[in-house]
Structures are given as structure tokens and as C-alpha cells.
Amino acid sequence: MFFMYNNERFKIFEAEPIDKRGESGTILKSDKELVIATIDGAISVTKIQRQGKQVMDIDSLLRGFEFKTGDKV
């Protein structure tokens, strides 16, 4: 699964379903974890790959990259 954010491609390698709701494709939380709303609820991303970079855990990515809560992916 992948998504585009600020004209950059991100590939999700691991995610866990969580009990949150929102409009599908909306970033629900982006400070210490990345939570994205889906059709069936939401996922908490645990491993991700930024375009042109290596696969990393979400903590490592969020130390150097900022997603904004409420943005669409």
C-alpha cells in the first residue's frame, strides 16, 4: 500500500488496525505515531519507506519528517 503526500510517495510496509474514525485518507494523528483513517476505521503505521529512502520504523521517520494532522493522503 502506498500514498502520496506533498508530491512524495510513501510505501507502508507494516500497519496495525486501530479503533479510530475519520474521513478515509485523512491523517488523524501525526506527532508520536502516524494514524491514517481508512474506509473500515484507521491504521497506525509502524514501518514505512519514503521515496528514494530505506524502509524505517515510523519513529525514525517522524524525527525528521512532519505530517500534519488533518491533511489528506
N, C-alpha and C. Protein backbone atom coordinates (compact mmCIF):
# COMPACT_ATOMS: atom_id res chain seq x y z
N MET A 1 0.84 -1.16 0.00
CA MET A 1 0.00 0.00 0.00
C MET A 1 0.90 1.23 0.00
N PHE A 2 0.53 2.23 -0.76
CA PHE A 2 1.29 3.46 -0.77
C PHE A 2 0.35 4.66 -0.80
N PHE A 3 0.92 5.83 -0.51
CA PHE A 3 0.16 7.07 -0.61
C PHE A 3 1.10 8.20 -1.02
N MET A 4 0.52 9.28 -1.50
CA MET A 4 1.27 10.47 -1.88
C MET A 4 1.03 11.54 -0.83
N TYR A 5 2.09 12.24 -0.45
CA TYR A 5 1.98 13.35 0.50
C TYR A 5 2.99 14.41 0.07
N ASN A 6 2.52 15.62 -0.17
CA ASN A 6 3.38 16.72 -0.64
C ASN A 6 4.22 16.30 -1.85
N ASN A 7 3.57 15.67 -2.81
CA ASN A 7 4.19 15.22 -4.06
C ASN A 7 5.31 14.21 -3.86
N GLU A 8 5.27 13.48 -2.77
CA GLU A 8 6.26 12.45 -2.47
C GLU A 8 5.53 11.14 -2.17
N ARG A 9 6.10 10.04 -2.66
CA ARG A 9 5.46 8.73 -2.47
C ARG A 9 5.99 8.07 -1.20
N PHE A 10 5.06 7.50 -0.42
CA PHE A 10 5.37 6.75 0.79
C PHE A 10 4.75 5.37 0.66
N LYS A 11 5.54 4.35 0.97
CA LYS A 11 5.04 2.98 0.91
C LYS A 11 4.94 2.44 2.34
N ILE A 12 3.77 1.94 2.68
CA ILE A 12 3.54 1.36 4.01
C ILE A 12 3.90 -0.12 3.97
N PHE A 13 4.82 -0.53 4.85
CA PHE A 13 5.24 -1.93 4.93
C PHE A 13 4.54 -2.66 6.06
N GLU A 14 4.26 -1.97 7.17
CA GLU A 14 3.55 -2.58 8.29
C GLU A 14 2.63 -1.54 8.91
N ALA A 15 1.45 -2.00 9.31
CA ALA A 15 0.49 -1.14 9.99
C ALA A 15 -0.43 -2.00 10.84
N GLU A 16 -0.96 -1.41 11.87
CA GLU A 16 -1.89 -2.11 12.75
C GLU A 16 -3.24 -1.41 12.72
N PRO A 17 -4.33 -2.17 12.64
CA PRO A 17 -5.65 -1.55 12.71
C PRO A 17 -5.89 -1.00 14.11
N ILE A 18 -6.52 0.15 14.18
CA ILE A 18 -6.87 0.74 15.48
C ILE A 18 -8.30 1.25 15.44
N ASP A 19 -8.86 1.50 16.60
CA ASP A 19 -10.26 1.91 16.73
C ASP A 19 -10.36 3.43 16.74
N LYS A 20 -10.29 4.02 15.56
CA LYS A 20 -10.50 5.46 15.38
C LYS A 20 -11.29 5.63 14.10
N ARG A 21 -11.94 6.73 13.97
CA ARG A 21 -12.76 7.01 12.79
C ARG A 21 -12.43 8.39 12.23
N GLY A 22 -12.59 8.50 10.93
CA GLY A 22 -12.40 9.78 10.26
C GLY A 22 -12.65 9.56 8.78
N GLU A 23 -12.58 10.63 8.02
CA GLU A 23 -12.76 10.54 6.58
C GLU A 23 -11.58 9.78 5.98
N SER A 24 -11.86 8.79 5.17
CA SER A 24 -10.83 7.94 4.59
C SER A 24 -9.74 8.77 3.94
N GLY A 25 -8.46 8.45 4.28
CA GLY A 25 -7.33 9.15 3.71
C GLY A 25 -6.87 10.35 4.51
N THR A 26 -7.51 10.61 5.64
CA THR A 26 -7.14 11.75 6.47
C THR A 26 -6.16 11.33 7.56
N ILE A 27 -5.14 12.15 7.77
CA ILE A 27 -4.20 11.90 8.86
C ILE A 27 -4.88 12.31 10.16
N LEU A 28 -5.07 11.33 11.05
CA LEU A 28 -5.77 11.58 12.31
C LEU A 28 -4.81 11.94 13.45
N LYS A 29 -3.58 11.46 13.35
CA LYS A 29 -2.59 11.74 14.38
C LYS A 29 -1.21 11.68 13.73
N SER A 30 -0.33 12.61 14.09
CA SER A 30 0.96 12.63 13.41
C SER A 30 2.11 13.07 14.30
N ASP A 31 1.92 13.07 15.62
CA ASP A 31 3.02 13.52 16.47
C ASP A 31 3.95 12.37 16.85
N LYS A 32 3.50 11.40 17.62
CA LYS A 32 4.35 10.28 18.02
C LYS A 32 4.04 9.01 17.25
N GLU A 33 2.99 9.04 16.48
CA GLU A 33 2.63 7.93 15.60
C GLU A 33 1.89 8.49 14.40
N LEU A 34 1.82 7.71 13.35
CA LEU A 34 1.11 8.14 12.15
C LEU A 34 -0.15 7.30 12.03
N VAL A 35 -1.30 7.95 12.23
CA VAL A 35 -2.60 7.27 12.14
C VAL A 35 -3.35 7.85 10.95
N ILE A 36 -3.79 6.97 10.06
CA ILE A 36 -4.50 7.37 8.85
C ILE A 36 -5.86 6.69 8.83
N ALA A 37 -6.90 7.47 8.60
CA ALA A 37 -8.26 6.92 8.51
C ALA A 37 -8.40 6.11 7.23
N THR A 38 -9.15 5.00 7.34
CA THR A 38 -9.44 4.15 6.19
C THR A 38 -10.95 3.98 6.08
N ILE A 39 -11.37 3.27 5.09
CA ILE A 39 -12.81 3.01 4.92
C ILE A 39 -13.36 2.25 6.12
N ASP A 40 -12.56 1.34 6.68
CA ASP A 40 -13.02 0.47 7.76
C ASP A 40 -12.64 0.95 9.16
N GLY A 41 -12.03 2.09 9.31
CA GLY A 41 -11.59 2.59 10.62
C GLY A 41 -10.33 3.40 10.47
N ALA A 42 -9.19 2.86 10.96
CA ALA A 42 -7.91 3.56 10.84
C ALA A 42 -6.76 2.58 11.02
N ILE A 43 -5.58 3.00 10.56
CA ILE A 43 -4.37 2.22 10.76
C ILE A 43 -3.32 3.09 11.42
N SER A 44 -2.50 2.44 12.23
CA SER A 44 -1.32 3.07 12.81
C SER A 44 -0.12 2.48 12.08
N VAL A 45 0.58 3.32 11.33
CA VAL A 45 1.70 2.87 10.52
C VAL A 45 2.90 2.57 11.43
N THR A 46 3.53 1.41 11.23
CA THR A 46 4.69 1.05 12.05
C THR A 46 5.99 1.00 11.25
N LYS A 47 5.93 0.61 9.97
CA LYS A 47 7.10 0.62 9.09
C LYS A 47 6.72 1.27 7.77
N ILE A 48 7.60 2.17 7.30
CA ILE A 48 7.28 2.96 6.12
C ILE A 48 8.55 3.23 5.32
N GLN A 49 8.38 3.49 4.03
CA GLN A 49 9.50 3.85 3.18
C GLN A 49 9.17 5.14 2.46
N ARG A 50 10.02 6.13 2.65
CA ARG A 50 9.90 7.40 1.94
C ARG A 50 10.55 7.24 0.58
N GLN A 51 10.03 7.91 -0.41
CA GLN A 51 10.54 7.80 -1.77
C GLN A 51 12.05 7.99 -1.82
N GLY A 52 12.75 6.99 -2.37
CA GLY A 52 14.20 7.06 -2.52
C GLY A 52 14.98 6.75 -1.26
N LYS A 53 14.31 6.37 -0.19
CA LYS A 53 14.96 6.08 1.09
C LYS A 53 14.77 4.61 1.47
N GLN A 54 15.41 4.21 2.57
CA GLN A 54 15.27 2.85 3.06
C GLN A 54 14.01 2.72 3.92
N VAL A 55 13.56 1.47 4.09
CA VAL A 55 12.43 1.19 4.98
C VAL A 55 12.88 1.53 6.41
N MET A 56 11.99 2.18 7.17
CA MET A 56 12.33 2.54 8.56
C MET A 56 11.09 2.46 9.43
N ASP A 57 11.32 2.40 10.74
CA ASP A 57 10.18 2.43 11.64
C ASP A 57 9.64 3.86 11.68
N ILE A 58 8.39 3.98 12.05
CA ILE A 58 7.72 5.28 11.98
C ILE A 58 8.36 6.30 12.93
N ASP A 59 8.87 5.84 14.08
CA ASP A 59 9.54 6.76 15.00
C ASP A 59 10.71 7.47 14.34
N SER A 60 11.50 6.72 13.60
CA SER A 60 12.66 7.30 12.91
C SER A 60 12.23 8.32 11.87
N LEU A 61 11.20 8.01 11.11
CA LEU A 61 10.73 8.95 10.09
C LEU A 61 10.20 10.22 10.73
N LEU A 62 9.41 10.09 11.78
CA LEU A 62 8.79 11.27 12.39
C LEU A 62 9.79 12.19 13.10
N ARG A 63 10.98 11.69 13.38
CA ARG A 63 12.02 12.56 13.96
C ARG A 63 12.51 13.59 12.95
N GLY A 64 12.43 13.25 11.65
CA GLY A 64 12.97 14.14 10.64
C GLY A 64 11.98 14.59 9.58
N PHE A 65 10.73 14.14 9.68
CA PHE A 65 9.72 14.50 8.69
C PHE A 65 8.41 14.77 9.40
N GLU A 66 7.70 15.79 8.95
CA GLU A 66 6.46 16.16 9.63
C GLU A 66 5.24 15.97 8.72
N PHE A 67 4.30 15.17 9.23
CA PHE A 67 2.97 15.08 8.63
C PHE A 67 2.08 15.99 9.45
N LYS A 68 1.07 16.58 8.84
CA LYS A 68 0.16 17.46 9.58
C LYS A 68 -1.19 16.79 9.78
N THR A 69 -1.61 16.73 11.03
CA THR A 69 -2.92 16.17 11.35
C THR A 69 -4.00 16.94 10.59
N GLY A 70 -4.91 16.19 9.98
CA GLY A 70 -5.99 16.79 9.19
C GLY A 70 -5.71 16.81 7.70
N ASP A 71 -4.44 16.66 7.29
CA ASP A 71 -4.12 16.61 5.87
C ASP A 71 -4.63 15.31 5.26
N LYS A 72 -4.85 15.34 3.94
CA LYS A 72 -5.28 14.16 3.20
C LYS A 72 -4.09 13.53 2.51
N VAL A 73 -4.13 12.19 2.45
CA VAL A 73 -3.09 11.45 1.72
C VAL A 73 -3.73 10.65 0.61
